[in-house]
Amino acid sequence: MERLRYLTAGLALVVAAAHLLDRTEGGIALLVYVQAGYLGSPLPLLFVLGSFALVFGVVLGFQGLAGRLTYLGGIAVIGTFLFGYVVWHTVLDHGAFWPYIEGTHHHGTTFEWFEMHLLGDPYVLGTKAAELVLLVLLIALYRLDPDDDGRI
């Protein structure tokens, strides 16, 4: 169980770093928007907040405070990253609802969407794969952890 926790913590840090350092929507983009005085896209803020939440969960774990509620929080963050990616690139038309973003909706089959957004970008494919594995690990920890014993 301890090895599973360490593996999960390490992967959570990798996923957090991937979002913080994302080349177009990470922390640097958020700093650029802050300096410009407007939020050109909601993604940098969401990436940074989600990354900090993951890091906070790992810190709780290393302090011995992680429990089922912490795993549940991680599941929520990673589920939001995964679900949000699909929704952003489909229903939300790449953020066309946002004042500064013009939609770029692509019409085509599910496979064409998958090929364009995931197979066409190894970085995105790698981060989404890491998120999916992290989600599975967090669910496993949530299910395997004994009943809540007062830990956070």
Protein backbone atom coordinates (compact mmCIF):
# COMPACT_ATOMS: atom_id res chain seq x y z
CA MET A 1 0.00 0.00 0.00
CA GLU A 2 2.87 2.35 0.83
CA ARG A 3 4.45 1.84 -2.61
CA LEU A 4 1.13 2.61 -4.24
CA ARG A 5 0.94 5.86 -2.28
CA TYR A 6 4.47 6.87 -3.35
CA LEU A 7 3.78 5.99 -6.98
CA THR A 8 0.56 8.00 -6.89
CA ALA A 9 2.27 10.97 -5.23
CA GLY A 10 5.05 10.95 -7.81
CA LEU A 11 2.63 10.78 -10.71
CA ALA A 12 0.50 13.55 -9.14
CA LEU A 13 3.59 15.77 -9.05
CA VAL A 14 4.36 14.95 -12.70
CA VAL A 15 0.79 15.84 -13.73
CA ALA A 16 0.91 19.05 -11.66
CA ALA A 17 4.24 20.03 -13.26
CA ALA A 18 2.89 19.27 -16.74
CA HIS A 19 0.00 21.66 -16.16
CA LEU A 20 2.09 24.37 -14.49
CA LEU A 21 4.68 24.21 -17.27
CA ASP A 22 2.24 23.74 -20.15
CA ARG A 23 3.62 25.65 -23.11
CA THR A 24 0.43 27.54 -23.93
CA GLU A 25 -1.90 27.34 -20.93
CA GLY A 26 0.36 26.97 -17.88
CA GLY A 27 1.68 29.29 -15.24
CA ILE A 28 3.65 31.45 -17.70
CA ALA A 29 0.48 32.19 -19.66
CA LEU A 30 -1.25 33.17 -16.41
CA LEU A 31 1.60 35.56 -15.57
CA VAL A 32 1.36 37.11 -19.04
CA TYR A 33 -2.38 37.63 -18.58
CA VAL A 34 -1.88 39.13 -15.13
CA GLN A 35 0.71 41.55 -16.51
CA ALA A 36 -1.64 42.50 -19.35
CA GLY A 37 -4.48 43.08 -16.89
CA TYR A 38 -7.01 40.64 -18.34
CA LEU A 39 -7.63 36.91 -18.47
CA GLY A 40 -7.51 35.99 -22.16
CA SER A 41 -8.41 32.37 -21.41
CA PRO A 42 -9.67 30.64 -18.27
CA LEU A 43 -7.34 27.66 -18.82
CA PRO A 44 -4.14 29.05 -17.26
CA LEU A 45 -5.96 29.91 -14.03
CA LEU A 46 -7.63 26.50 -13.93
CA PHE A 47 -4.34 24.71 -14.73
CA VAL A 48 -2.52 26.53 -11.94
CA LEU A 49 -5.28 26.02 -9.37
CA GLY A 50 -5.59 22.33 -10.23
CA SER A 51 -1.81 21.87 -10.06
CA PHE A 52 -1.61 23.54 -6.66
CA ALA A 53 -4.46 21.33 -5.43
CA LEU A 54 -2.54 18.22 -6.51
CA VAL A 55 0.65 19.43 -4.83
CA PHE A 56 -1.31 20.25 -1.67
CA GLY A 57 -2.73 16.71 -1.65
CA VAL A 58 0.77 15.26 -1.95
CA VAL A 59 1.98 17.47 0.91
CA LEU A 60 -0.93 16.26 3.04
CA GLY A 61 0.08 12.71 2.24
CA PHE A 62 3.68 13.23 3.28
CA GLN A 63 2.48 14.83 6.50
CA GLY A 64 0.51 11.69 7.25
CA LEU A 65 -2.81 13.46 6.82
CA ALA A 66 -3.97 11.91 3.56
CA GLY A 67 -7.04 9.76 3.74
CA ARG A 68 -10.07 8.96 1.66
CA LEU A 69 -11.17 12.59 1.48
CA THR A 70 -7.78 13.62 0.07
CA TYR A 71 -7.98 10.86 -2.55
CA LEU A 72 -11.50 11.99 -3.39
CA GLY A 73 -10.21 15.53 -3.91
CA GLY A 74 -7.50 14.21 -6.24
CA ILE A 75 -10.10 12.22 -8.15
CA ALA A 76 -12.16 15.40 -8.55
CA VAL A 77 -9.18 17.41 -9.84
CA ILE A 78 -8.03 14.74 -12.29
CA GLY A 79 -11.60 13.99 -13.37
CA THR A 80 -12.02 17.70 -14.07
CA PHE A 81 -8.79 17.78 -16.11
CA LEU A 82 -9.89 14.79 -18.20
CA PHE A 83 -13.56 15.68 -18.57
CA GLY A 84 -12.70 19.35 -19.05
CA TYR A 85 -10.33 18.53 -21.89
CA VAL A 86 -13.03 16.71 -23.82
CA VAL A 87 -15.69 19.35 -23.09
CA TRP A 88 -13.34 22.24 -23.95
CA HIS A 89 -12.51 20.73 -27.34
CA THR A 90 -16.06 19.72 -28.21
CA VAL A 91 -19.07 21.32 -26.53
CA LEU A 92 -17.28 24.55 -25.55
CA ASP A 93 -15.75 24.92 -29.03
CA HIS A 94 -12.23 25.61 -27.72
CA GLY A 95 -13.52 28.33 -25.42
CA ALA A 96 -15.73 30.28 -27.82
CA PHE A 97 -17.89 31.31 -24.83
CA TRP A 98 -14.95 33.36 -23.47
CA PRO A 99 -14.86 37.05 -24.53
CA TYR A 100 -11.34 36.91 -26.00
CA ILE A 101 -11.53 33.53 -27.76
CA GLU A 102 -12.88 32.86 -31.23
CA GLY A 103 -14.27 29.35 -31.70
CA THR A 104 -12.53 26.86 -33.93
CA HIS A 105 -15.00 24.00 -33.94
CA HIS A 106 -14.02 21.05 -36.07
CA HIS A 107 -16.71 18.95 -37.63
CA GLY A 108 -15.92 15.31 -38.07
CA THR A 109 -16.11 11.89 -36.56
CA THR A 110 -15.05 10.98 -33.05
CA PHE A 111 -11.95 9.34 -34.47
CA GLU A 112 -11.02 12.50 -36.38
CA TRP A 113 -11.40 14.51 -33.18
CA PHE A 114 -9.30 11.96 -31.27
CA GLU A 115 -6.64 11.92 -33.97
CA MET A 116 -6.48 15.72 -34.20
CA HIS A 117 -6.38 16.46 -30.48
CA LEU A 118 -4.54 13.52 -28.96
CA LEU A 119 -2.64 11.53 -31.56
CA GLY A 120 -1.50 14.72 -33.26
CA ASP A 121 0.24 16.04 -30.14
CA PRO A 122 2.50 13.63 -28.21
CA TYR A 123 2.72 16.04 -25.24
CA VAL A 124 -1.06 16.12 -24.83
CA LEU A 125 -1.31 12.38 -25.36
CA GLY A 126 1.31 11.82 -22.66
CA THR A 127 -0.33 14.15 -20.16
CA LYS A 128 -3.77 12.67 -20.73
CA ALA A 129 -2.35 9.15 -20.35
CA ALA A 130 -0.64 10.19 -17.11
CA GLU A 131 -3.89 11.73 -15.86
CA LEU A 132 -5.81 8.57 -16.68
CA VAL A 133 -3.28 6.39 -14.83
CA LEU A 134 -3.34 8.81 -11.89
CA LEU A 135 -7.12 8.64 -11.81
CA VAL A 136 -6.98 4.83 -11.65
CA LEU A 137 -4.38 4.96 -8.85
CA LEU A 138 -6.40 7.46 -6.83
CA ILE A 139 -9.54 5.37 -7.18
CA ALA A 140 -7.57 2.30 -6.07
CA LEU A 141 -6.22 4.13 -3.02
CA TYR A 142 -9.68 5.44 -2.20
CA ARG A 143 -11.12 1.93 -2.34
CA LEU A 144 -8.20 0.23 -0.55
CA ASP A 145 -7.79 2.75 2.26
CA PRO A 146 -9.39 1.50 5.46
CA ASP A 147 -12.46 3.29 6.70
CA ASP A 148 -11.84 6.94 7.49
CA ASP A 149 -10.04 7.13 10.80
CA GLY A 150 -10.20 10.86 11.24
CA ARG A 151 -7.45 11.72 8.78
CA ILE A 152 -8.03 14.47 6.30
